[in-house]
Structures are given as C-alpha cells and as structure tokens.
Amino acid sequence: MDLKLNPVSMPTTIRPNTGVRPAASTASEGVGGSFSGALKSALSSVSAAQNESTRLQQEVQMENPKVSLEETMVAIQKAQIGFQATLHVRNRMVQAYTDIMNMQV
C-alpha cells in the first residue's frame, strides 16, 4: 500500500501576518479564481472520492484479487473525512447566512 501525502502551502497572497492582501477577483479570472469555483472544485473532489470508495467496495465484494481490503478501507476513510469536512463547511455557511439575515440595519 502506497499512501502519499502532498504538502500544502499557502500562496504568499493569503498568508496571515504578511501584510499582503489577496487581490480582488475580477470577472476575467474565470471560475478558477472565484469562491464558487473553489467550492465547486472541492465538492467535485469529494464526490470523486466517494465514487472511488464505492467502486472499490464493490470490487472487494466481488472478490477481485487486484483490489486489496486495505486500499478500500483507506479510500472509505478519505471519502468519509471529505464528506464530514464538506458538512462542516455547509453548516458554517448556513450559520453565517442566518447571522447576516438576523442583523438589524
């Protein structure tokens, strides 16, 4: 089993305490530079992880010798962690929306 973790580094434009502010996104940046684009990309990767874990589960159930149980369990855990993180983000966004709607102007 080969599990590789890629290091995550923040771009210098959004690192805390550097005094540099992120540039305002413009319409010319496209989907990749916007919040909705980042959210869509994250949801796509979570969905892909869930689909992969489902496929591996089916392969293990059909006793495919090329698919290991360990690989399947890791894929299931990745999908579960991704789903839980997505759920927490959704709950925070709903709470923020509710807080904003309840503000008095």
PDB file of N, CA and C in Angstrom:
ATOM      1  N   MET A   1       0.850  -1.177   0.000  1.00  0.00           N
ATOM      2  CA  MET A   1       0.000   0.000   0.000  1.00  0.00           C
ATOM      3  C   MET A   1       0.889   1.231   0.000  1.00  0.00           C
ATOM      4  N   ASP A   2       0.610   2.149  -0.894  1.00  0.00           N
ATOM      5  CA  ASP A   2       1.419   3.347  -1.041  1.00  0.00           C
ATOM      6  C   ASP A   2       0.534   4.566  -0.819  1.00  0.00           C
ATOM      7  N   LEU A   3       0.737   5.243   0.301  1.00  0.00           N
ATOM      8  CA  LEU A   3      -0.061   6.419   0.638  1.00  0.00           C
ATOM      9  C   LEU A   3       0.850   7.631   0.610  1.00  0.00           C
ATOM     10  N   LYS A   4       0.631   8.509  -0.350  1.00  0.00           N
ATOM     11  CA  LYS A   4       1.456   9.703  -0.487  1.00  0.00           C
ATOM     12  C   LYS A   4       0.636  10.917  -0.103  1.00  0.00           C
ATOM     13  N   LEU A   5       1.203  11.742   0.760  1.00  0.00           N
ATOM     14  CA  LEU A   5       0.572  12.985   1.160  1.00  0.00           C
ATOM     15  C   LEU A   5       1.380  14.139   0.601  1.00  0.00           C
ATOM     16  N   ASN A   6       0.735  15.005  -0.127  1.00  0.00           N
ATOM     17  CA  ASN A   6       1.403  16.164  -0.686  1.00  0.00           C
ATOM     18  C   ASN A   6       1.369  17.300   0.318  1.00  0.00           C
ATOM     19  N   PRO A   7       2.487  17.996   0.518  1.00  0.00           N
ATOM     20  CA  PRO A   7       2.481  19.122   1.446  1.00  0.00           C
ATOM     21  C   PRO A   7       1.623  20.247   0.903  1.00  0.00           C
ATOM     22  N   VAL A   8       0.941  20.912   1.797  1.00  0.00           N
ATOM     23  CA  VAL A   8       0.066  22.009   1.407  1.00  0.00           C
ATOM     24  C   VAL A   8       0.715  23.302   1.867  1.00  0.00           C
ATOM     25  N   SER A   9       0.871  24.226   0.962  1.00  0.00           N
ATOM     26  CA  SER A   9       1.424  25.527   1.330  1.00  0.00           C
ATOM     27  C   SER A   9       0.474  26.605   0.842  1.00  0.00           C
ATOM     28  N   MET A  10       0.371  27.650   1.640  1.00  0.00           N
ATOM     29  CA  MET A  10      -0.499  28.755   1.285  1.00  0.00           C
ATOM     30  C   MET A  10       0.246  29.696   0.353  1.00  0.00           C
ATOM     31  N   PRO A  11      -0.426  30.197  -0.685  1.00  0.00           N
ATOM     32  CA  PRO A  11       0.213  31.199  -1.538  1.00  0.00           C
ATOM     33  C   PRO A  11       0.558  32.442  -0.731  1.00  0.00           C
ATOM     34  N   THR A  12       1.582  33.152  -1.125  1.00  0.00           N
ATOM     35  CA  THR A  12       2.013  34.324  -0.363  1.00  0.00           C
ATOM     36  C   THR A  12       0.954  35.409  -0.329  1.00  0.00           C
ATOM     37  N   THR A  13       0.008  35.378  -1.253  1.00  0.00           N
ATOM     38  CA  THR A  13      -1.005  36.431  -1.283  1.00  0.00           C
ATOM     39  C   THR A  13      -2.025  36.285  -0.177  1.00  0.00           C
ATOM     40  N   ILE A  14      -2.125  35.109   0.458  1.00  0.00           N
ATOM     41  CA  ILE A  14      -3.133  34.953   1.506  1.00  0.00           C
ATOM     42  C   ILE A  14      -2.546  34.444   2.812  1.00  0.00           C
ATOM     43  N   ARG A  15      -1.243  34.467   2.965  1.00  0.00           N
ATOM     44  CA  ARG A  15      -0.652  34.045   4.231  1.00  0.00           C
ATOM     45  C   ARG A  15      -0.970  35.073   5.293  1.00  0.00           C
ATOM     46  N   PRO A  16      -1.303  34.615   6.502  1.00  0.00           N
ATOM     47  CA  PRO A  16      -1.596  35.565   7.567  1.00  0.00           C
ATOM     48  C   PRO A  16      -0.318  36.284   8.015  1.00  0.00           C
ATOM     49  N   ASN A  17      -0.485  37.502   8.501  1.00  0.00           N
ATOM     50  CA  ASN A  17       0.579  38.310   9.091  1.00  0.00           C
ATOM     51  C   ASN A  17       1.683  38.681   8.103  1.00  0.00           C
ATOM     52  N   THR A  18       1.430  38.657   6.819  1.00  0.00           N
ATOM     53  CA  THR A  18       2.441  39.083   5.864  1.00  0.00           C
ATOM     54  C   THR A  18       2.171  40.497   5.373  1.00  0.00           C
ATOM     55  N   GLY A  19       1.031  41.031   5.711  1.00  0.00           N
ATOM     56  CA  GLY A  19       0.696  42.368   5.287  1.00  0.00           C
ATOM     57  C   GLY A  19       0.238  42.446   3.842  1.00  0.00           C
ATOM     58  N   VAL A  20       0.170  41.333   3.156  1.00  0.00           N
ATOM     59  CA  VAL A  20      -0.254  41.311   1.762  1.00  0.00           C
ATOM     60  C   VAL A  20      -1.698  40.865   1.711  1.00  0.00           C
ATOM     61  N   ARG A  21      -2.511  41.614   1.035  1.00  0.00           N
ATOM     62  CA  ARG A  21      -3.922  41.283   0.894  1.00  0.00           C
ATOM     63  C   ARG A  21      -4.150  40.555  -0.416  1.00  0.00           C
ATOM     64  N   PRO A  22      -5.105  39.603  -0.448  1.00  0.00           N
ATOM     65  CA  PRO A  22      -5.411  38.965  -1.714  1.00  0.00           C
ATOM     66  C   PRO A  22      -6.023  39.964  -2.679  1.00  0.00           C
ATOM     67  N   ALA A  23      -5.689  39.815  -3.925  1.00  0.00           N
ATOM     68  CA  ALA A  23      -6.234  40.710  -4.942  1.00  0.00           C
ATOM     69  C   ALA A  23      -7.717  40.439  -5.119  1.00  0.00           C
ATOM     70  N   ALA A  24      -8.461  41.502  -5.402  1.00  0.00           N
ATOM     71  CA  ALA A  24      -9.893  41.342  -5.639  1.00  0.00           C
ATOM     72  C   ALA A  24     -10.093  40.548  -6.914  1.00  0.00           C
ATOM     73  N   SER A  25     -10.990  39.593  -6.866  1.00  0.00           N
ATOM     74  CA  SER A  25     -11.217  38.787  -8.060  1.00  0.00           C
ATOM     75  C   SER A  25     -12.063  39.571  -9.052  1.00  0.00           C
ATOM     76  N   THR A  26     -11.730  39.368 -10.300  1.00  0.00           N
ATOM     77  CA  THR A  26     -12.456  40.047 -11.367  1.00  0.00           C
ATOM     78  C   THR A  26     -13.148  39.013 -12.223  1.00  0.00           C
ATOM     79  N   ALA A  27     -14.015  39.463 -13.055  1.00  0.00           N
ATOM     80  CA  ALA A  27     -14.754  38.545 -13.922  1.00  0.00           C
ATOM     81  C   ALA A  27     -13.831  37.875 -14.929  1.00  0.00           C
ATOM     82  N   SER A  28     -12.679  38.516 -15.233  1.00  0.00           N
ATOM     83  CA  SER A  28     -11.766  37.928 -16.218  1.00  0.00           C
ATOM     84  C   SER A  28     -11.006  36.730 -15.664  1.00  0.00           C
ATOM     85  N   GLU A  29     -10.993  36.540 -14.328  1.00  0.00           N
ATOM     86  CA  GLU A  29     -10.288  35.406 -13.739  1.00  0.00           C
ATOM     87  C   GLU A  29     -10.984  34.089 -14.043  1.00  0.00           C
ATOM     88  N   GLY A  30     -12.245  34.116 -14.279  1.00  0.00           N
ATOM     89  CA  GLY A  30     -12.977  32.896 -14.584  1.00  0.00           C
ATOM     90  C   GLY A  30     -13.364  32.155 -13.325  1.00  0.00           C
ATOM     91  N   VAL A  31     -13.765  30.909 -13.512  1.00  0.00           N
ATOM     92  CA  VAL A  31     -14.274  30.105 -12.417  1.00  0.00           C
ATOM     93  C   VAL A  31     -13.162  29.729 -11.444  1.00  0.00           C
ATOM     94  N   GLY A  32     -11.931  29.563 -11.916  1.00  0.00           N
ATOM     95  CA  GLY A  32     -10.835  29.107 -11.065  1.00  0.00           C
ATOM     96  C   GLY A  32     -10.470  30.075  -9.968  1.00  0.00           C
ATOM     97  N   GLY A  33     -10.679  31.366 -10.152  1.00  0.00           N
ATOM     98  CA  GLY A  33     -10.274  32.348  -9.175  1.00  0.00           C
ATOM     99  C   GLY A  33     -11.370  32.763  -8.222  1.00  0.00           C
ATOM    100  N   SER A  34     -12.555  32.235  -8.349  1.00  0.00           N
ATOM    101  CA  SER A  34     -13.660  32.681  -7.516  1.00  0.00           C
ATOM    102  C   SER A  34     -13.945  31.692  -6.391  1.00  0.00           C
ATOM    103  N   PHE A  35     -14.677  32.172  -5.404  1.00  0.00           N
ATOM    104  CA  PHE A  35     -15.066  31.316  -4.285  1.00  0.00           C
ATOM    105  C   PHE A  35     -15.953  30.178  -4.767  1.00  0.00           C
ATOM    106  N   SER A  36     -16.882  30.490  -5.650  1.00  0.00           N
ATOM    107  CA  SER A  36     -17.776  29.443  -6.152  1.00  0.00           C
ATOM    108  C   SER A  36     -17.002  28.396  -6.941  1.00  0.00           C
ATOM    109  N   GLY A  37     -15.970  28.816  -7.652  1.00  0.00           N
ATOM    110  CA  GLY A  37     -15.138  27.867  -8.386  1.00  0.00           C
ATOM    111  C   GLY A  37     -14.374  26.946  -7.451  1.00  0.00           C
ATOM    112  N   ALA A  38     -13.837  27.527  -6.371  1.00  0.00           N
ATOM    113  CA  ALA A  38     -13.112  26.714  -5.390  1.00  0.00           C
ATOM    114  C   ALA A  38     -14.055  25.745  -4.702  1.00  0.00           C
ATOM    115  N   LEU A  39     -15.257  26.209  -4.381  1.00  0.00           N
ATOM    116  CA  LEU A  39     -16.241  25.344  -3.730  1.00  0.00           C
ATOM    117  C   LEU A  39     -16.677  24.221  -4.659  1.00  0.00           C
ATOM    118  N   LYS A  40     -16.892  24.548  -5.920  1.00  0.00           N
ATOM    119  CA  LYS A  40     -17.284  23.531  -6.899  1.00  0.00           C
ATOM    120  C   LYS A  40     -16.181  22.489  -7.078  1.00  0.00           C
ATOM    121  N   SER A  41     -14.950  22.945  -7.103  1.00  0.00           N
ATOM    122  CA  SER A  41     -13.809  22.038  -7.234  1.00  0.00           C
ATOM    123  C   SER A  41     -13.703  21.113  -6.020  1.00  0.00           C
ATOM    124  N   ALA A  42     -13.895  21.661  -4.828  1.00  0.00           N
ATOM    125  CA  ALA A  42     -13.827  20.849  -3.610  1.00  0.00           C
ATOM    126  C   ALA A  42     -14.951  19.814  -3.580  1.00  0.00           C
ATOM    127  N   LEU A  43     -16.146  20.225  -3.971  1.00  0.00           N
ATOM    128  CA  LEU A  43     -17.270  19.282  -3.999  1.00  0.00           C
ATOM    129  C   LEU A  43     -17.047  18.185  -5.035  1.00  0.00           C
ATOM    130  N   SER A  44     -16.434  18.539  -6.153  1.00  0.00           N
ATOM    131  CA  SER A  44     -16.138  17.538  -7.180  1.00  0.00           C
ATOM    132  C   SER A  44     -15.133  16.513  -6.671  1.00  0.00           C
ATOM    133  N   SER A  45     -14.120  16.972  -5.941  1.00  0.00           N
ATOM    134  CA  SER A  45     -13.123  16.031  -5.427  1.00  0.00           C
ATOM    135  C   SER A  45     -13.712  15.135  -4.351  1.00  0.00           C
ATOM    136  N   VAL A  46     -14.598  15.657  -3.514  1.00  0.00           N
ATOM    137  CA  VAL A  46     -15.263  14.825  -2.506  1.00  0.00           C
ATOM    138  C   VAL A  46     -16.155  13.788  -3.187  1.00  0.00           C
ATOM    139  N   SER A  47     -16.871  14.215  -4.221  1.00  0.00           N
ATOM    140  CA  SER A  47     -17.724  13.293  -4.956  1.00  0.00           C
ATOM    141  C   SER A  47     -16.900  12.205  -5.631  1.00  0.00           C
ATOM    142  N   ALA A  48     -15.762  12.584  -6.200  1.00  0.00           N
ATOM    143  CA  ALA A  48     -14.891  11.596  -6.842  1.00  0.00           C
ATOM    144  C   ALA A  48     -14.352  10.592  -5.826  1.00  0.00           C
ATOM    145  N   ALA A  49     -14.007  11.064  -4.631  1.00  0.00           N
ATOM    146  CA  ALA A  49     -13.514  10.157  -3.586  1.00  0.00           C
ATOM    147  C   ALA A  49     -14.609   9.188  -3.156  1.00  0.00           C
ATOM    148  N   GLN A  50     -15.841   9.682  -3.052  1.00  0.00           N
ATOM    149  CA  GLN A  50     -16.952   8.799  -2.685  1.00  0.00           C
ATOM    150  C   GLN A  50     -17.218   7.771  -3.771  1.00  0.00           C
ATOM    151  N   ASN A  51     -17.161   8.195  -5.032  1.00  0.00           N
ATOM    152  CA  ASN A  51     -17.375   7.262  -6.142  1.00  0.00           C
ATOM    153  C   ASN A  51     -16.282   6.202  -6.182  1.00  0.00           C
ATOM    154  N   GLU A  52     -15.043   6.616  -5.936  1.00  0.00           N
ATOM    155  CA  GLU A  52     -13.929   5.671  -5.931  1.00  0.00           C
ATOM    156  C   GLU A  52     -14.067   4.664  -4.793  1.00  0.00           C
ATOM    157  N   SER A  53     -14.464   5.123  -3.612  1.00  0.00           N
ATOM    158  CA  SER A  53     -14.627   4.192  -2.489  1.00  0.00           C
ATOM    159  C   SER A  53     -15.771   3.215  -2.749  1.00  0.00           C
ATOM    160  N   THR A  54     -16.828   3.688  -3.375  1.00  0.00           N
ATOM    161  CA  THR A  54     -17.942   2.797  -3.717  1.00  0.00           C
ATOM    162  C   THR A  54     -17.500   1.741  -4.725  1.00  0.00           C
ATOM    163  N   ARG A  55     -16.725   2.178  -5.721  1.00  0.00           N
ATOM    164  CA  ARG A  55     -16.231   1.234  -6.724  1.00  0.00           C
ATOM    165  C   ARG A  55     -15.326   0.180  -6.088  1.00  0.00           C
ATOM    166  N   LEU A  56     -14.436   0.620  -5.205  1.00  0.00           N
ATOM    167  CA  LEU A  56     -13.540  -0.324  -4.537  1.00  0.00           C
ATOM    168  C   LEU A  56     -14.308  -1.289  -3.631  1.00  0.00           C
ATOM    169  N   GLN A  57     -15.346  -0.785  -2.956  1.00  0.00           N
ATOM    170  CA  GLN A  57     -16.171  -1.660  -2.110  1.00  0.00           C
ATOM    171  C   GLN A  57     -16.819  -2.751  -2.952  1.00  0.00           C
ATOM    172  N   GLN A  58     -17.339  -2.377  -4.108  1.00  0.00           N
ATOM    173  CA  GLN A  58     -17.971  -3.362  -4.985  1.00  0.00           C
ATOM    174  C   GLN A  58     -16.958  -4.384  -5.490  1.00  0.00           C
ATOM    175  N   GLU A  59     -15.750  -3.919  -5.793  1.00  0.00           N
ATOM    176  CA  GLU A  59     -14.711  -4.842  -6.255  1.00  0.00           C
ATOM    177  C   GLU A  59     -14.319  -5.828  -5.161  1.00  0.00           C
ATOM    178  N   VAL A  60     -14.230  -5.363  -3.926  1.00  0.00           N
ATOM    179  CA  VAL A  60     -13.905  -6.258  -2.810  1.00  0.00           C
ATOM    180  C   VAL A  60     -15.032  -7.259  -2.592  1.00  0.00           C
ATOM    181  N   GLN A  61     -16.273  -6.806  -2.695  1.00  0.00           N
ATOM    182  CA  GLN A  61     -17.412  -7.707  -2.517  1.00  0.00           C
ATOM    183  C   GLN A  61     -17.462  -8.769  -3.603  1.00  0.00           C
ATOM    184  N   MET A  62     -16.981  -8.422  -4.796  1.00  0.00           N
ATOM    185  CA  MET A  62     -16.965  -9.398  -5.887  1.00  0.00           C
ATOM    186  C   MET A  62     -15.677 -10.225  -5.881  1.00  0.00           C
ATOM    187  N   GLU A  63     -14.877 -10.048  -4.823  1.00  0.00           N
ATOM    188  CA  GLU A  63     -13.652 -10.804  -4.582  1.00  0.00           C
ATOM    189  C   GLU A  63     -12.639 -10.654  -5.714  1.00  0.00           C
ATOM    190  N   ASN A  64     -12.453  -9.438  -6.171  1.00  0.00           N
ATOM    191  CA  ASN A  64     -11.440  -9.141  -7.176  1.00  0.00           C
ATOM    192  C   ASN A  64     -10.073  -9.214  -6.508  1.00  0.00           C
ATOM    193  N   PRO A  65      -9.165 -10.089  -6.971  1.00  0.00           N
ATOM    194  CA  PRO A  65      -7.862 -10.227  -6.319  1.00  0.00           C
ATOM    195  C   PRO A  65      -6.946  -9.025  -6.527  1.00  0.00           C
ATOM    196  N   LYS A  66      -7.257  -8.147  -7.468  1.00  0.00           N
ATOM    197  CA  LYS A  66      -6.421  -6.978  -7.738  1.00  0.00           C
ATOM    198  C   LYS A  66      -6.684  -5.831  -6.763  1.00  0.00           C
ATOM    199  N   VAL A  67      -7.774  -5.899  -6.006  1.00  0.00           N
ATOM    200  CA  VAL A  67      -8.140  -4.824  -5.079  1.00  0.00           C
ATOM    201  C   VAL A  67      -7.947  -5.326  -3.660  1.00  0.00           C
ATOM    202  N   SER A  68      -7.150  -4.593  -2.891  1.00  0.00           N
ATOM    203  CA  SER A  68      -6.889  -5.015  -1.518  1.00  0.00           C
ATOM    204  C   SER A  68      -7.895  -4.384  -0.561  1.00  0.00           C
ATOM    205  N   LEU A  69      -8.101  -5.061   0.532  1.00  0.00           N
ATOM    206  CA  LEU A  69      -9.012  -4.563   1.555  1.00  0.00           C
ATOM    207  C   LEU A  69      -8.456  -3.288   2.189  1.00  0.00           C
ATOM    208  N   GLU A  70      -7.129  -3.237   2.358  1.00  0.00           N
ATOM    209  CA  GLU A  70      -6.504  -2.061   2.961  1.00  0.00           C
ATOM    210  C   GLU A  70      -6.717  -0.817   2.102  1.00  0.00           C
ATOM    211  N   GLU A  71      -6.536  -0.982   0.801  1.00  0.00           N
ATOM    212  CA  GLU A  71      -6.737   0.122  -0.135  1.00  0.00           C
ATOM    213  C   GLU A  71      -8.190   0.603  -0.083  1.00  0.00           C
ATOM    214  N   THR A  72      -9.104  -0.327   0.018  1.00  0.00           N
ATOM    215  CA  THR A  72     -10.522   0.006   0.091  1.00  0.00           C
ATOM    216  C   THR A  72     -10.853   0.758   1.367  1.00  0.00           C
ATOM    217  N   MET A  73     -10.299   0.305   2.486  1.00  0.00           N
ATOM    218  CA  MET A  73     -10.576   0.965   3.764  1.00  0.00           C
ATOM    219  C   MET A  73     -10.012   2.381   3.790  1.00  0.00           C
ATOM    220  N   VAL A  74      -8.833   2.589   3.206  1.00  0.00           N
ATOM    221  CA  VAL A  74      -8.259   3.933   3.138  1.00  0.00           C
ATOM    222  C   VAL A  74      -9.139   4.833   2.274  1.00  0.00           C
ATOM    223  N   ALA A  75      -9.623   4.308   1.152  1.00  0.00           N
ATOM    224  CA  ALA A  75     -10.497   5.096   0.276  1.00  0.00           C
ATOM    225  C   ALA A  75     -11.799   5.456   0.984  1.00  0.00           C
ATOM    226  N   ILE A  76     -12.334   4.515   1.765  1.00  0.00           N
ATOM    227  CA  ILE A  76     -13.565   4.784   2.516  1.00  0.00           C
ATOM    228  C   ILE A  76     -13.326   5.885   3.548  1.00  0.00           C
ATOM    229  N   GLN A  77     -12.190   5.812   4.260  1.00  0.00           N
ATOM    230  CA  GLN A  77     -11.891   6.834   5.264  1.00  0.00           C
ATOM    231  C   GLN A  77     -11.678   8.203   4.628  1.00  0.00           C
ATOM    232  N   LYS A  78     -10.996   8.250   3.475  1.00  0.00           N
ATOM    233  CA  LYS A  78     -10.813   9.520   2.771  1.00  0.00           C
ATOM    234  C   LYS A  78     -12.152  10.125   2.385  1.00  0.00           C
ATOM    235  N   ALA A  79     -13.047   9.288   1.867  1.00  0.00           N
ATOM    236  CA  ALA A  79     -14.367   9.774   1.467  1.00  0.00           C
ATOM    237  C   ALA A  79     -15.162  10.262   2.676  1.00  0.00           C
ATOM    238  N   GLN A  80     -15.052   9.545   3.786  1.00  0.00           N
ATOM    239  CA  GLN A  80     -15.780   9.927   4.997  1.00  0.00           C
ATOM    240  C   GLN A  80     -15.263  11.253   5.553  1.00  0.00           C
ATOM    241  N   ILE A  81     -13.944  11.418   5.586  1.00  0.00           N
ATOM    242  CA  ILE A  81     -13.367  12.664   6.095  1.00  0.00           C
ATOM    243  C   ILE A  81     -13.740  13.834   5.181  1.00  0.00           C
ATOM    244  N   GLY A  82     -13.686  13.619   3.878  1.00  0.00           N
ATOM    245  CA  GLY A  82     -14.072  14.668   2.940  1.00  0.00           C
ATOM    246  C   GLY A  82     -15.528  15.059   3.094  1.00  0.00           C
ATOM    247  N   PHE A  83     -16.395  14.080   3.289  1.00  0.00           N
ATOM    248  CA  PHE A  83     -17.817  14.377   3.467  1.00  0.00           C
ATOM    249  C   PHE A  83     -18.050  15.144   4.765  1.00  0.00           C
ATOM    250  N   GLN A  84     -17.384  14.735   5.851  1.00  0.00           N
ATOM    251  CA  GLN A  84     -17.549  15.430   7.124  1.00  0.00           C
ATOM    252  C   GLN A  84     -17.067  16.874   7.030  1.00  0.00           C
ATOM    253  N   ALA A  85     -15.944  17.090   6.344  1.00  0.00           N
ATOM    254  CA  ALA A  85     -15.439  18.455   6.177  1.00  0.00           C
ATOM    255  C   ALA A  85     -16.421  19.288   5.362  1.00  0.00           C
ATOM    256  N   THR A  86     -16.981  18.699   4.315  1.00  0.00           N
ATOM    257  CA  THR A  86     -17.969  19.399   3.497  1.00  0.00           C
ATOM    258  C   THR A  86     -19.203  19.749   4.314  1.00  0.00           C
ATOM    259  N   LEU A  87     -19.622  18.837   5.148  1.00  0.00           N
ATOM    260  CA  LEU A  87     -20.779  19.074   6.002  1.00  0.00           C
ATOM    261  C   LEU A  87     -20.520  20.212   6.982  1.00  0.00           C
ATOM    262  N   HIS A  88     -19.322  20.260   7.552  1.00  0.00           N
ATOM    263  CA  HIS A  88     -18.979  21.346   8.477  1.00  0.00           C
ATOM    264  C   HIS A  88     -18.950  22.690   7.755  1.00  0.00           C
ATOM    265  N   VAL A  89     -18.412  22.710   6.550  1.00  0.00           N
ATOM    266  CA  VAL A  89     -18.377  23.959   5.779  1.00  0.00           C
ATOM    267  C   VAL A  89     -19.792  24.414   5.464  1.00  0.00           C
ATOM    268  N   ARG A  90     -20.647  23.480   5.063  1.00  0.00           N
ATOM    269  CA  ARG A  90     -22.030  23.842   4.768  1.00  0.00           C
ATOM    270  C   ARG A  90     -22.728  24.397   5.999  1.00  0.00           C
ATOM    271  N   ASN A  91     -22.532  23.765   7.152  1.00  0.00           N
ATOM    272  CA  ASN A  91     -23.164  24.240   8.384  1.00  0.00           C
ATOM    273  C   ASN A  91     -22.672  25.629   8.764  1.00  0.00           C
ATOM    274  N   ARG A  92     -21.372  25.876   8.575  1.00  0.00           N
ATOM    275  CA  ARG A  92     -20.834  27.209   8.881  1.00  0.00           C
ATOM    276  C   ARG A  92     -21.402  28.260   7.934  1.00  0.00           C
ATOM    277  N   MET A  93     -21.546  27.900   6.663  1.00  0.00           N
ATOM    278  CA  MET A  93     -22.096  28.850   5.699  1.00  0.00           C
ATOM    279  C   MET A  93     -23.558  29.158   6.002  1.00  0.00           C
ATOM    280  N   VAL A  94     -24.327  28.164   6.367  1.00  0.00           N
ATOM    281  CA  VAL A  94     -25.731  28.388   6.723  1.00  0.00           C
ATOM    282  C   VAL A  94     -25.825  29.254   7.972  1.00  0.00           C
ATOM    283  N   GLN A  95     -24.947  28.996   8.953  1.00  0.00           N
ATOM    284  CA  GLN A  95     -24.952  29.798  10.182  1.00  0.00           C
ATOM    285  C   GLN A  95     -24.573  31.244   9.877  1.00  0.00           C
ATOM    286  N   ALA A  96     -23.585  31.457   9.017  1.00  0.00           N
ATOM    287  CA  ALA A  96     -23.188  32.820   8.651  1.00  0.00           C
ATOM    288  C   ALA A  96     -24.332  33.531   7.922  1.00  0.00           C
ATOM    289  N   TYR A  97     -25.005  32.821   7.023  1.00  0.00           N
ATOM    290  CA  TYR A  97     -26.137  33.410   6.307  1.00  0.00           C
ATOM    291  C   TYR A  97     -27.239  33.790   7.295  1.00  0.00           C
ATOM    292  N   THR A  98     -27.521  32.908   8.239  1.00  0.00           N
ATOM    293  CA  THR A  98     -28.553  33.188   9.243  1.00  0.00           C
ATOM    294  C   THR A  98     -28.172  34.390  10.092  1.00  0.00           C
ATOM    295  N   ASP A  99     -26.906  34.479  10.494  1.00  0.00           N
ATOM    296  CA  ASP A  99     -26.446  35.619  11.289  1.00  0.00           C
ATOM    297  C   ASP A  99     -26.586  36.926  10.519  1.00  0.00           C
ATOM    298  N   ILE A 100     -26.241  36.903   9.241  1.00  0.00           N
ATOM    299  CA  ILE A 100     -26.349  38.113   8.432  1.00  0.00           C
ATOM    300  C   ILE A 100     -27.804  38.512   8.244  1.00  0.00           C
ATOM    301  N   MET A 101     -28.675  37.543   8.021  1.00  0.00           N
ATOM    302  CA  MET A 101     -30.084  37.849   7.833  1.00  0.00           C
ATOM    303  C   MET A 101     -30.736  38.387   9.113  1.00  0.00           C
ATOM    304  N   ASN A 102     -30.212  38.025  10.265  1.00  0.00           N
ATOM    305  CA  ASN A 102     -30.776  38.480  11.538  1.00  0.00           C
ATOM    306  C   ASN A 102     -30.203  39.813  12.009  1.00  0.00           C
ATOM    307  N   MET A 103     -29.230  40.346  11.270  1.00  0.00           N
ATOM    308  CA  MET A 103     -28.662  41.644  11.656  1.00  0.00           C
ATOM    309  C   MET A 103     -29.657  42.750  11.400  1.00  0.00           C
ATOM    310  N   GLN A 104     -29.666  43.696  12.317  1.00  0.00           N
ATOM    311  CA  GLN A 104     -30.532  44.851  12.122  1.00  0.00           C
ATOM    312  C   GLN A 104     -29.750  45.938  11.410  1.00  0.00           C
ATOM    313  N   VAL A 105     -30.398  46.547  10.441  1.00  0.00           N
ATOM    314  CA  VAL A 105     -29.726  47.572   9.639  1.00  0.00           C
ATOM    315  C   VAL A 105     -30.071  48.943  10.158  1.00  0.00           C
TER     316      VAL A 105
END
